[in-house]
Amino acid sequence: MLIETDKITFKNFFRNDPNPFISEKFIELNRKKVDRVIRLIDDSGDPVIGLVVGVKNGVVMSPFSAPFGGFHFRKDNIYITEIDRFIEQLAEYAAEHGIHRIEISTSPDIYNSSFNAKTINSLIRHNYHFTYPDITNWVNLRDLGGEYSQKNSREYYRQANRIHLAFSLTQDSQDKIKIYELICQNRAKFNRPVYMTFNDVLDIGKIWPVDFFKVETVDHQIVASAIFYRNHPTICYAVFWGDNAEGRPLRAMDFMLLNLFLHYKEAGFEYMDLGISTESGIPNEGLLRFKESHEAVSSLRYKCVLELNKA
């Protein structure tokens, strides 16, 4: 059966985090958003799967304040029978502790594709249902050359280059505020929510590096910006990006994105996680088209839900 354990014991069994949003530092930063945090392991003595979740109003959630969550595991080639066993025991644990709903959102496949495939298969077979799957996008930086592969994207980048746009990573506090504000204006224009305040972003910077980028015109006007996390050894994560009304005709986004690719490839990253192109599962066609025409691959990210009978 599953038992609750403390974070030191849990970390002794699971020394590596499959993705940064289930790391102890991130969980602790957000623990006030739930009634309590619990760490579950099999009491067999040598657990190979674990789960850190938030509990609120009788609902178990992974994540409870993040793009995705999921399970800890000791190795990628775990037998699927071990996964089945843990998922069966999770339902038993929930029933015994008055929990009426379990929500688990899996990570994109670039973080752990084999384990994801087996887990999703098992969840389906154990009566979990799925909300509309989100379409998520990522770029393989290892295979990236020095230019876009699609003709139109290459031409847009050249147009931006000809007017001498400038791309840079900034440490200036006032620039960081302007970068965040530009993104908020962009999101408001396209009716896309911003779930983090500027101070929330700065708080994240206390647990892992947060990069602020800007694209400027020759007269130093910021026309596009981006905020990225460096929270994984090989994957950089796009938190926010956007342009403004002045930047769009200048092809500032086309210019910025290729520079971001080259920046992180040179820094040794293998993948760029561009996040989802959906809202509650409904595709944003323009955003999805932009990503796919700028080297991104689309795949699915699942939210799995199990409803239990209330006592």
C-alpha atoms as a PDB file:
ATOM      1  CA  MET A   1       0.000   0.000   0.000  1.00  0.00           C
ATOM      2  CA  LEU A   2       0.967   3.646  -0.335  1.00  0.00           C
ATOM      3  CA  ILE A   3       2.188   5.541   2.695  1.00  0.00           C
ATOM      4  CA  GLU A   4       3.027   9.179   3.323  1.00  0.00           C
ATOM      5  CA  THR A   5       6.664   9.992   3.973  1.00  0.00           C
ATOM      6  CA  ASP A   6       8.759  13.043   4.777  1.00  0.00           C
ATOM      7  CA  LYS A   7      10.677  14.979   2.158  1.00  0.00           C
ATOM      8  CA  ILE A   8      14.114  13.739   3.304  1.00  0.00           C
ATOM      9  CA  THR A   9      13.121  10.079   3.003  1.00  0.00           C
ATOM     10  CA  PHE A  10      11.415  10.757  -0.334  1.00  0.00           C
ATOM     11  CA  LYS A  11      14.539  12.471  -1.668  1.00  0.00           C
ATOM     12  CA  ASN A  12      16.695   9.538  -0.567  1.00  0.00           C
ATOM     13  CA  PHE A  13      14.661   7.263  -2.831  1.00  0.00           C
ATOM     14  CA  PHE A  14      14.261   9.747  -5.703  1.00  0.00           C
ATOM     15  CA  ARG A  15      17.428  11.781  -6.021  1.00  0.00           C
ATOM     16  CA  ASN A  16      16.606  13.132  -9.485  1.00  0.00           C
ATOM     17  CA  ASP A  17      13.501  15.069 -10.469  1.00  0.00           C
ATOM     18  CA  PRO A  18      12.052  13.973 -13.853  1.00  0.00           C
ATOM     19  CA  ASN A  19      10.941  17.569 -14.409  1.00  0.00           C
ATOM     20  CA  PRO A  20      11.566  20.799 -12.466  1.00  0.00           C
ATOM     21  CA  PHE A  21       7.937  21.407 -11.523  1.00  0.00           C
ATOM     22  CA  ILE A  22       7.935  18.434  -9.142  1.00  0.00           C
ATOM     23  CA  SER A  23      11.194  19.409  -7.453  1.00  0.00           C
ATOM     24  CA  GLU A  24      11.223  20.113  -3.704  1.00  0.00           C
ATOM     25  CA  LYS A  25      12.235  23.753  -4.191  1.00  0.00           C
ATOM     26  CA  PHE A  26       9.316  24.434  -6.503  1.00  0.00           C
ATOM     27  CA  ILE A  27       6.849  22.492  -4.345  1.00  0.00           C
ATOM     28  CA  GLU A  28       7.908  24.416  -1.227  1.00  0.00           C
ATOM     29  CA  LEU A  29       7.584  27.740  -3.024  1.00  0.00           C
ATOM     30  CA  ASN A  30       3.927  26.986  -3.818  1.00  0.00           C
ATOM     31  CA  ARG A  31       2.827  24.870  -0.849  1.00  0.00           C
ATOM     32  CA  LYS A  32       0.623  27.649   0.592  1.00  0.00           C
ATOM     33  CA  LYS A  33      -1.711  27.255  -2.399  1.00  0.00           C
ATOM     34  CA  VAL A  34      -3.013  23.923  -1.067  1.00  0.00           C
ATOM     35  CA  ASP A  35      -4.212  22.616   2.290  1.00  0.00           C
ATOM     36  CA  ARG A  36      -1.229  20.280   2.535  1.00  0.00           C
ATOM     37  CA  VAL A  37       1.502  18.561   0.517  1.00  0.00           C
ATOM     38  CA  ILE A  38       1.953  14.802   0.753  1.00  0.00           C
ATOM     39  CA  ARG A  39       4.677  12.524  -0.578  1.00  0.00           C
ATOM     40  CA  LEU A  40       3.516   9.006  -1.416  1.00  0.00           C
ATOM     41  CA  ILE A  41       5.613   5.860  -1.796  1.00  0.00           C
ATOM     42  CA  ASP A  42       4.945   2.125  -1.789  1.00  0.00           C
ATOM     43  CA  ASP A  43       5.702   0.628   1.626  1.00  0.00           C
ATOM     44  CA  SER A  44       7.507  -2.310  -0.010  1.00  0.00           C
ATOM     45  CA  GLY A  45      10.840  -1.055   1.337  1.00  0.00           C
ATOM     46  CA  ASP A  46      12.475  -0.180  -1.985  1.00  0.00           C
ATOM     47  CA  PRO A  47       9.973   2.014  -3.879  1.00  0.00           C
ATOM     48  CA  VAL A  48      10.589   2.643  -7.568  1.00  0.00           C
ATOM     49  CA  ILE A  49       7.754   5.171  -8.071  1.00  0.00           C
ATOM     50  CA  GLY A  50       6.734   8.145  -5.948  1.00  0.00           C
ATOM     51  CA  LEU A  51       4.247  10.997  -6.170  1.00  0.00           C
ATOM     52  CA  VAL A  52       4.278  14.453  -4.569  1.00  0.00           C
ATOM     53  CA  VAL A  53       0.836  16.063  -4.594  1.00  0.00           C
ATOM     54  CA  GLY A  54      -1.106  18.938  -3.167  1.00  0.00           C
ATOM     55  CA  VAL A  55      -4.417  18.284  -1.427  1.00  0.00           C
ATOM     56  CA  LYS A  56      -7.185  20.879  -1.397  1.00  0.00           C
ATOM     57  CA  ASN A  57     -10.901  20.434  -0.692  1.00  0.00           C
ATOM     58  CA  GLY A  58     -10.672  16.674  -1.061  1.00  0.00           C
ATOM     59  CA  VAL A  59      -8.840  16.812  -4.388  1.00  0.00           C
ATOM     60  CA  VAL A  60      -5.332  15.430  -4.962  1.00  0.00           C
ATOM     61  CA  MET A  61      -3.417  17.427  -7.577  1.00  0.00           C
ATOM     62  CA  SER A  62      -0.139  17.104  -9.425  1.00  0.00           C
ATOM     63  CA  PRO A  63       0.620  19.837 -10.180  1.00  0.00           C
ATOM     64  CA  PHE A  64      -1.200  22.327  -8.000  1.00  0.00           C
ATOM     65  CA  SER A  65       0.532  25.430  -9.364  1.00  0.00           C
ATOM     66  CA  ALA A  66       2.569  24.576 -12.450  1.00  0.00           C
ATOM     67  CA  PRO A  67       2.234  23.758 -16.149  1.00  0.00           C
ATOM     68  CA  PHE A  68       2.588  20.032 -15.469  1.00  0.00           C
ATOM     69  CA  GLY A  69       3.506  17.558 -12.753  1.00  0.00           C
ATOM     70  CA  GLY A  70       3.609  13.785 -12.679  1.00  0.00           C
ATOM     71  CA  PHE A  71       5.427  10.957 -10.975  1.00  0.00           C
ATOM     72  CA  HIS A  72       8.938  10.447  -9.675  1.00  0.00           C
ATOM     73  CA  PHE A  73      10.582   7.227 -10.801  1.00  0.00           C
ATOM     74  CA  ARG A  74      13.923   5.543 -10.279  1.00  0.00           C
ATOM     75  CA  LYS A  75      14.559   4.517 -13.909  1.00  0.00           C
ATOM     76  CA  ASP A  76      12.884   4.955 -17.271  1.00  0.00           C
ATOM     77  CA  ASN A  77      12.526   1.241 -18.053  1.00  0.00           C
ATOM     78  CA  ILE A  78      10.358   0.391 -15.049  1.00  0.00           C
ATOM     79  CA  TYR A  79       8.082  -2.592 -15.682  1.00  0.00           C
ATOM     80  CA  ILE A  80       4.562  -1.473 -16.514  1.00  0.00           C
ATOM     81  CA  THR A  81       3.286  -3.844 -13.820  1.00  0.00           C
ATOM     82  CA  GLU A  82       5.041  -1.599 -11.268  1.00  0.00           C
ATOM     83  CA  ILE A  83       3.210   1.418 -12.677  1.00  0.00           C
ATOM     84  CA  ASP A  84      -0.093  -0.479 -12.614  1.00  0.00           C
ATOM     85  CA  ARG A  85       0.510  -1.420  -8.993  1.00  0.00           C
ATOM     86  CA  PHE A  86       1.203   2.175  -7.926  1.00  0.00           C
ATOM     87  CA  ILE A  87      -1.850   3.553  -9.746  1.00  0.00           C
ATOM     88  CA  GLU A  88      -4.088   0.892  -8.199  1.00  0.00           C
ATOM     89  CA  GLN A  89      -2.716   1.723  -4.760  1.00  0.00           C
ATOM     90  CA  LEU A  90      -3.191   5.445  -5.365  1.00  0.00           C
ATOM     91  CA  ALA A  91      -6.948   4.919  -5.834  1.00  0.00           C
ATOM     92  CA  GLU A  92      -7.035   2.779  -2.684  1.00  0.00           C
ATOM     93  CA  TYR A  93      -5.173   5.466  -0.723  1.00  0.00           C
ATOM     94  CA  ALA A  94      -7.593   8.137  -1.958  1.00  0.00           C
ATOM     95  CA  ALA A  95     -10.657   6.105  -1.006  1.00  0.00           C
ATOM     96  CA  GLU A  96      -9.288   5.467   2.486  1.00  0.00           C
ATOM     97  CA  HIS A  97      -8.479   9.141   3.096  1.00  0.00           C
ATOM     98  CA  GLY A  98     -11.706  10.765   1.956  1.00  0.00           C
ATOM     99  CA  ILE A  99     -10.328  12.026  -1.359  1.00  0.00           C
ATOM    100  CA  HIS A 100     -12.946  12.267  -4.109  1.00  0.00           C
ATOM    101  CA  ARG A 101     -10.850  13.308  -7.103  1.00  0.00           C
ATOM    102  CA  ILE A 102      -7.311  12.756  -8.412  1.00  0.00           C
ATOM    103  CA  GLU A 103      -5.830  15.068 -11.060  1.00  0.00           C
ATOM    104  CA  ILE A 104      -2.470  14.366 -12.728  1.00  0.00           C
ATOM    105  CA  SER A 105      -1.020  16.370 -15.618  1.00  0.00           C
ATOM    106  CA  THR A 106       1.844  14.632 -17.412  1.00  0.00           C
ATOM    107  CA  SER A 107       4.949  16.356 -18.695  1.00  0.00           C
ATOM    108  CA  PRO A 108       5.767  16.779 -22.405  1.00  0.00           C
ATOM    109  CA  ASP A 109       7.487  13.742 -23.890  1.00  0.00           C
ATOM    110  CA  ILE A 110      10.878  15.459 -24.147  1.00  0.00           C
ATOM    111  CA  TYR A 111      11.185  15.041 -20.366  1.00  0.00           C
ATOM    112  CA  ASN A 112      10.465  11.300 -20.167  1.00  0.00           C
ATOM    113  CA  SER A 113       8.740   9.771 -23.191  1.00  0.00           C
ATOM    114  CA  SER A 114       8.951   6.066 -22.294  1.00  0.00           C
ATOM    115  CA  PHE A 115       7.638   6.498 -18.769  1.00  0.00           C
ATOM    116  CA  ASN A 116       4.906   8.835 -20.044  1.00  0.00           C
ATOM    117  CA  ALA A 117       3.679   6.291 -22.586  1.00  0.00           C
ATOM    118  CA  LYS A 118       3.427   3.509 -20.010  1.00  0.00           C
ATOM    119  CA  THR A 119       1.830   5.770 -17.412  1.00  0.00           C
ATOM    120  CA  ILE A 120      -0.856   7.126 -19.741  1.00  0.00           C
ATOM    121  CA  ASN A 121      -1.637   3.597 -20.922  1.00  0.00           C
ATOM    122  CA  SER A 122      -1.996   2.472 -17.318  1.00  0.00           C
ATOM    123  CA  LEU A 123      -4.137   5.446 -16.290  1.00  0.00           C
ATOM    124  CA  ILE A 124      -6.576   4.750 -19.121  1.00  0.00           C
ATOM    125  CA  ARG A 125      -6.834   1.105 -18.103  1.00  0.00           C
ATOM    126  CA  HIS A 126      -7.497   2.148 -14.501  1.00  0.00           C
ATOM    127  CA  ASN A 127     -10.556   4.257 -15.358  1.00  0.00           C
ATOM    128  CA  TYR A 128      -8.970   7.698 -15.504  1.00  0.00           C
ATOM    129  CA  HIS A 129     -10.553   9.969 -18.052  1.00  0.00           C
ATOM    130  CA  PHE A 130      -8.903  12.796 -19.905  1.00  0.00           C
ATOM    131  CA  THR A 131      -9.823  16.407 -20.367  1.00  0.00           C
ATOM    132  CA  TYR A 132      -9.093  17.682 -23.856  1.00  0.00           C
ATOM    133  CA  PRO A 133      -5.362  17.089 -24.355  1.00  0.00           C
ATOM    134  CA  ASP A 134      -3.225  20.189 -24.728  1.00  0.00           C
ATOM    135  CA  ILE A 135      -0.989  20.576 -27.761  1.00  0.00           C
ATOM    136  CA  THR A 136       2.506  21.390 -26.573  1.00  0.00           C
ATOM    137  CA  ASN A 137       5.487  22.419 -28.697  1.00  0.00           C
ATOM    138  CA  TRP A 138       9.208  21.929 -28.482  1.00  0.00           C
ATOM    139  CA  VAL A 139      12.316  22.467 -30.582  1.00  0.00           C
ATOM    140  CA  ASN A 140      15.246  20.084 -30.997  1.00  0.00           C
ATOM    141  CA  LEU A 141      18.201  22.466 -30.680  1.00  0.00           C
ATOM    142  CA  ARG A 142      20.690  19.714 -31.495  1.00  0.00           C
ATOM    143  CA  ASP A 143      19.484  19.536 -35.100  1.00  0.00           C
ATOM    144  CA  LEU A 144      19.149  23.276 -35.546  1.00  0.00           C
ATOM    145  CA  GLY A 145      21.323  25.037 -38.108  1.00  0.00           C
ATOM    146  CA  GLY A 146      22.058  28.738 -38.251  1.00  0.00           C
ATOM    147  CA  GLU A 147      18.796  29.666 -39.987  1.00  0.00           C
ATOM    148  CA  TYR A 148      15.147  28.691 -40.245  1.00  0.00           C
ATOM    149  CA  SER A 149      14.302  25.735 -42.467  1.00  0.00           C
ATOM    150  CA  GLN A 150      11.138  27.329 -43.919  1.00  0.00           C
ATOM    151  CA  LYS A 151      11.552  29.928 -46.652  1.00  0.00           C
ATOM    152  CA  ASN A 152       9.058  32.491 -45.316  1.00  0.00           C
ATOM    153  CA  SER A 153      10.564  32.399 -41.834  1.00  0.00           C
ATOM    154  CA  ARG A 154      14.066  32.890 -43.267  1.00  0.00           C
ATOM    155  CA  GLU A 155      12.889  35.914 -45.230  1.00  0.00           C
ATOM    156  CA  TYR A 156      11.151  37.464 -42.218  1.00  0.00           C
ATOM    157  CA  TYR A 157      14.348  37.079 -40.203  1.00  0.00           C
ATOM    158  CA  ARG A 158      16.353  38.770 -42.983  1.00  0.00           C
ATOM    159  CA  GLN A 159      13.878  41.652 -43.053  1.00  0.00           C
ATOM    160  CA  ALA A 160      14.396  42.178 -39.321  1.00  0.00           C
ATOM    161  CA  ASN A 161      18.157  41.987 -39.754  1.00  0.00           C
ATOM    162  CA  ARG A 162      18.142  44.624 -42.471  1.00  0.00           C
ATOM    163  CA  ILE A 163      16.574  47.187 -40.135  1.00  0.00           C
ATOM    164  CA  HIS A 164      19.200  46.400 -37.497  1.00  0.00           C
ATOM    165  CA  LEU A 165      17.074  45.043 -34.677  1.00  0.00           C
ATOM    166  CA  ALA A 166      19.163  44.100 -31.644  1.00  0.00           C
ATOM    167  CA  PHE A 167      18.669  41.021 -29.429  1.00  0.00           C
ATOM    168  CA  SER A 168      20.085  40.810 -25.921  1.00  0.00           C
ATOM    169  CA  LEU A 169      19.842  39.160 -22.519  1.00  0.00           C
ATOM    170  CA  THR A 170      19.459  41.811 -19.829  1.00  0.00           C
ATOM    171  CA  GLN A 171      20.159  42.030 -16.107  1.00  0.00           C
ATOM    172  CA  ASP A 172      18.774  45.552 -15.774  1.00  0.00           C
ATOM    173  CA  SER A 173      15.883  45.756 -13.293  1.00  0.00           C
ATOM    174  CA  GLN A 174      13.962  48.402 -15.227  1.00  0.00           C
ATOM    175  CA  ASP A 175      14.372  46.450 -18.465  1.00  0.00           C
ATOM    176  CA  LYS A 176      12.965  43.361 -16.751  1.00  0.00           C
ATOM    177  CA  ILE A 177       9.844  45.287 -15.751  1.00  0.00           C
ATOM    178  CA  LYS A 178       9.417  46.583 -19.315  1.00  0.00           C
ATOM    179  CA  ILE A 179       9.880  43.053 -20.680  1.00  0.00           C
ATOM    180  CA  TYR A 180       7.163  41.709 -18.380  1.00  0.00           C
ATOM    181  CA  GLU A 181       4.794  44.608 -19.120  1.00  0.00           C
ATOM    182  CA  LEU A 182       5.171  44.136 -22.876  1.00  0.00           C
ATOM    183  CA  ILE A 183       4.243  40.465 -22.482  1.00  0.00           C
ATOM    184  CA  CYS A 184       1.165  41.381 -20.417  1.00  0.00           C
ATOM    185  CA  GLN A 185       0.052  43.837 -23.109  1.00  0.00           C
ATOM    186  CA  ASN A 186       0.558  41.188 -25.781  1.00  0.00           C
ATOM    187  CA  ARG A 187      -1.441  38.604 -23.827  1.00  0.00           C
ATOM    188  CA  ALA A 188      -4.271  41.058 -23.183  1.00  0.00           C
ATOM    189  CA  LYS A 189      -4.493  41.855 -26.900  1.00  0.00           C
ATOM    190  CA  PHE A 190      -4.982  38.185 -27.742  1.00  0.00           C
ATOM    191  CA  ASN A 191      -7.135  37.366 -24.684  1.00  0.00           C
ATOM    192  CA  ARG A 192      -4.526  35.033 -23.234  1.00  0.00           C
ATOM    193  CA  PRO A 193      -4.214  35.083 -19.432  1.00  0.00           C
ATOM    194  CA  VAL A 194      -1.059  35.836 -17.462  1.00  0.00           C
ATOM    195  CA  TYR A 195      -1.125  33.752 -14.283  1.00  0.00           C
ATOM    196  CA  MET A 196       2.029  35.196 -12.713  1.00  0.00           C
ATOM    197  CA  THR A 197       2.784  38.648 -11.392  1.00  0.00           C
ATOM    198  CA  PHE A 198       6.188  40.212 -11.919  1.00  0.00           C
ATOM    199  CA  ASN A 199       7.049  39.419  -8.300  1.00  0.00           C
ATOM    200  CA  ASP A 200       6.025  35.793  -8.865  1.00  0.00           C
ATOM    201  CA  VAL A 201       8.597  35.610 -11.653  1.00  0.00           C
ATOM    202  CA  LEU A 202      11.251  37.131  -9.393  1.00  0.00           C
ATOM    203  CA  ASP A 203      10.410  34.581  -6.681  1.00  0.00           C
ATOM    204  CA  ILE A 204      11.013  31.769  -9.166  1.00  0.00           C
ATOM    205  CA  GLY A 205      14.422  33.333  -9.788  1.00  0.00           C
ATOM    206  CA  LYS A 206      15.323  32.412  -6.206  1.00  0.00           C
ATOM    207  CA  ILE A 207      15.149  28.676  -6.987  1.00  0.00           C
ATOM    208  CA  TRP A 208      16.521  28.544 -10.557  1.00  0.00           C
ATOM    209  CA  PRO A 209      17.852  30.984 -13.164  1.00  0.00           C
ATOM    210  CA  VAL A 210      15.302  33.138 -14.984  1.00  0.00           C
ATOM    211  CA  ASP A 211      16.425  34.854 -18.204  1.00  0.00           C
ATOM    212  CA  PHE A 212      14.927  38.113 -19.524  1.00  0.00           C
ATOM    213  CA  PHE A 213      15.431  38.897 -23.232  1.00  0.00           C
ATOM    214  CA  LYS A 214      14.588  41.949 -25.316  1.00  0.00           C
ATOM    215  CA  VAL A 215      14.580  42.977 -28.954  1.00  0.00           C
ATOM    216  CA  GLU A 216      15.211  46.669 -29.554  1.00  0.00           C
ATOM    217  CA  THR A 217      15.071  49.030 -32.499  1.00  0.00           C
ATOM    218  CA  VAL A 218      18.000  51.296 -33.365  1.00  0.00           C
ATOM    219  CA  ASP A 219      16.449  54.002 -31.146  1.00  0.00           C
ATOM    220  CA  HIS A 220      16.344  51.538 -28.200  1.00  0.00           C
ATOM    221  CA  GLN A 221      12.604  50.870 -28.166  1.00  0.00           C
ATOM    222  CA  ILE A 222      11.727  47.370 -26.929  1.00  0.00           C
ATOM    223  CA  VAL A 223       9.492  45.727 -29.540  1.00  0.00           C
ATOM    224  CA  ALA A 224       9.578  42.070 -28.418  1.00  0.00           C
ATOM    225  CA  SER A 225      10.554  40.232 -25.261  1.00  0.00           C
ATOM    226  CA  ALA A 226      10.767  36.797 -23.670  1.00  0.00           C
ATOM    227  CA  ILE A 227      11.196  35.221 -20.238  1.00  0.00           C
ATOM    228  CA  PHE A 228      12.785  31.765 -19.951  1.00  0.00           C
ATOM    229  CA  TYR A 229      13.607  29.326 -17.170  1.00  0.00           C
ATOM    230  CA  ARG A 230      16.872  27.407 -17.040  1.00  0.00           C
ATOM    231  CA  ASN A 231      15.435  24.760 -14.739  1.00  0.00           C
ATOM    232  CA  HIS A 232      16.596  21.516 -16.366  1.00  0.00           C
ATOM    233  CA  PRO A 233      20.063  20.290 -17.418  1.00  0.00           C
ATOM    234  CA  THR A 234      19.143  19.952 -21.109  1.00  0.00           C
ATOM    235  CA  ILE A 235      15.767  21.734 -21.575  1.00  0.00           C
ATOM    236  CA  CYS A 236      15.120  25.469 -21.396  1.00  0.00           C
ATOM    237  CA  TYR A 237      11.512  26.500 -20.794  1.00  0.00           C
ATOM    238  CA  ALA A 238       9.655  29.401 -22.433  1.00  0.00           C
ATOM    239  CA  VAL A 239       7.540  31.041 -19.743  1.00  0.00           C
ATOM    240  CA  PHE A 240       6.318  34.069 -21.725  1.00  0.00           C
ATOM    241  CA  TRP A 241       7.091  35.827 -24.986  1.00  0.00           C
ATOM    242  CA  GLY A 242       5.477  38.404 -27.215  1.00  0.00           C
ATOM    243  CA  ASP A 243       5.783  41.493 -29.378  1.00  0.00           C
ATOM    244  CA  ASN A 244       3.944  44.803 -29.453  1.00  0.00           C
ATOM    245  CA  ALA A 245       2.190  46.745 -32.215  1.00  0.00           C
ATOM    246  CA  GLU A 246       5.479  48.350 -33.259  1.00  0.00           C
ATOM    247  CA  GLY A 247       7.352  45.061 -33.342  1.00  0.00           C
ATOM    248  CA  ARG A 248       4.959  43.026 -35.453  1.00  0.00           C
ATOM    249  CA  PRO A 249       5.591  44.746 -38.832  1.00  0.00           C
ATOM    250  CA  LEU A 250       9.330  44.696 -38.035  1.00  0.00           C
ATOM    251  CA  ARG A 251       9.259  40.863 -37.742  1.00  0.00           C
ATOM    252  CA  ALA A 252      10.578  41.160 -34.201  1.00  0.00           C
ATOM    253  CA  MET A 253       9.279  37.728 -33.122  1.00  0.00           C
ATOM    254  CA  ASP A 254      10.923  35.962 -36.072  1.00  0.00           C
ATOM    255  CA  PHE A 255      14.138  37.741 -35.199  1.00  0.00           C
ATOM    256  CA  MET A 256      13.939  37.000 -31.491  1.00  0.00           C
ATOM    257  CA  LEU A 257      13.076  33.320 -31.779  1.00  0.00           C
ATOM    258  CA  LEU A 258      16.052  32.347 -33.930  1.00  0.00           C
ATOM    259  CA  ASN A 259      18.335  34.297 -31.618  1.00  0.00           C
ATOM    260  CA  LEU A 260      16.850  32.438 -28.653  1.00  0.00           C
ATOM    261  CA  PHE A 261      17.520  29.113 -30.391  1.00  0.00           C
ATOM    262  CA  LEU A 262      21.136  30.021 -31.057  1.00  0.00           C
ATOM    263  CA  HIS A 263      21.658  31.453 -27.567  1.00  0.00           C
ATOM    264  CA  TYR A 264      20.507  28.301 -25.779  1.00  0.00           C
ATOM    265  CA  LYS A 265      22.132  25.918 -28.233  1.00  0.00           C
ATOM    266  CA  GLU A 266      25.465  27.651 -27.633  1.00  0.00           C
ATOM    267  CA  ALA A 267      24.817  27.371 -23.874  1.00  0.00           C
ATOM    268  CA  GLY A 268      24.581  23.578 -24.247  1.00  0.00           C
ATOM    269  CA  PHE A 269      20.828  22.997 -24.130  1.00  0.00           C
ATOM    270  CA  GLU A 270      19.355  20.236 -26.289  1.00  0.00           C
ATOM    271  CA  TYR A 271      15.666  21.182 -26.321  1.00  0.00           C
ATOM    272  CA  MET A 272      13.496  24.246 -25.964  1.00  0.00           C
ATOM    273  CA  ASP A 273      10.067  23.699 -24.405  1.00  0.00           C
ATOM    274  CA  LEU A 274       7.772  26.305 -25.968  1.00  0.00           C
ATOM    275  CA  GLY A 275       4.760  25.382 -23.856  1.00  0.00           C
ATOM    276  CA  ILE A 276       1.201  24.782 -24.964  1.00  0.00           C
ATOM    277  CA  SER A 277      -0.665  26.310 -27.902  1.00  0.00           C
ATOM    278  CA  THR A 278      -4.103  25.655 -26.416  1.00  0.00           C
ATOM    279  CA  GLU A 279      -6.447  27.124 -23.817  1.00  0.00           C
ATOM    280  CA  SER A 280      -8.431  24.409 -21.996  1.00  0.00           C
ATOM    281  CA  GLY A 281      -7.562  22.091 -24.861  1.00  0.00           C
ATOM    282  CA  ILE A 282      -8.808  24.431 -27.619  1.00  0.00           C
ATOM    283  CA  PRO A 283      -5.996  25.196 -30.109  1.00  0.00           C
ATOM    284  CA  ASN A 284      -4.843  28.749 -30.726  1.00  0.00           C
ATOM    285  CA  GLU A 285      -4.382  28.288 -34.455  1.00  0.00           C
ATOM    286  CA  GLY A 286      -2.229  31.365 -35.019  1.00  0.00           C
ATOM    287  CA  LEU A 287       0.149  30.536 -32.173  1.00  0.00           C
ATOM    288  CA  LEU A 288       0.361  26.892 -33.205  1.00  0.00           C
ATOM    289  CA  ARG A 289       1.055  27.856 -36.819  1.00  0.00           C
ATOM    290  CA  PHE A 290       3.760  30.306 -35.746  1.00  0.00           C
ATOM    291  CA  LYS A 291       5.570  27.709 -33.662  1.00  0.00           C
ATOM    292  CA  GLU A 292       5.359  24.965 -36.278  1.00  0.00           C
ATOM    293  CA  SER A 293       6.641  27.291 -39.004  1.00  0.00           C
ATOM    294  CA  HIS A 294       9.586  28.143 -36.742  1.00  0.00           C
ATOM    295  CA  GLU A 295      11.058  24.661 -36.174  1.00  0.00           C
ATOM    296  CA  ALA A 296       8.709  23.447 -33.428  1.00  0.00           C
ATOM    297  CA  VAL A 297       7.295  19.925 -33.161  1.00  0.00           C
ATOM    298  CA  SER A 298       3.799  19.397 -31.750  1.00  0.00           C
ATOM    299  CA  SER A 299       2.894  16.654 -29.296  1.00  0.00           C
ATOM    300  CA  LEU A 300       0.230  16.053 -26.656  1.00  0.00           C
ATOM    301  CA  ARG A 301       0.208  16.822 -22.947  1.00  0.00           C
ATOM    302  CA  TYR A 302      -2.470  15.032 -20.936  1.00  0.00           C
ATOM    303  CA  LYS A 303      -4.495  15.827 -17.838  1.00  0.00           C
ATOM    304  CA  CYS A 304      -5.791  12.595 -16.279  1.00  0.00           C
ATOM    305  CA  VAL A 305      -8.680  12.623 -13.805  1.00  0.00           C
ATOM    306  CA  LEU A 306     -10.182   9.938 -11.582  1.00  0.00           C
ATOM    307  CA  GLU A 307     -13.497  10.606  -9.831  1.00  0.00           C
ATOM    308  CA  LEU A 308     -14.128   8.592  -6.674  1.00  0.00           C
ATOM    309  CA  ASN A 309     -17.425   8.194  -4.911  1.00  0.00           C
ATOM    310  CA  LYS A 310     -17.931  10.666  -2.082  1.00  0.00           C
ATOM    311  CA  ALA A 311     -18.699   9.116   1.273  1.00  0.00           C
END
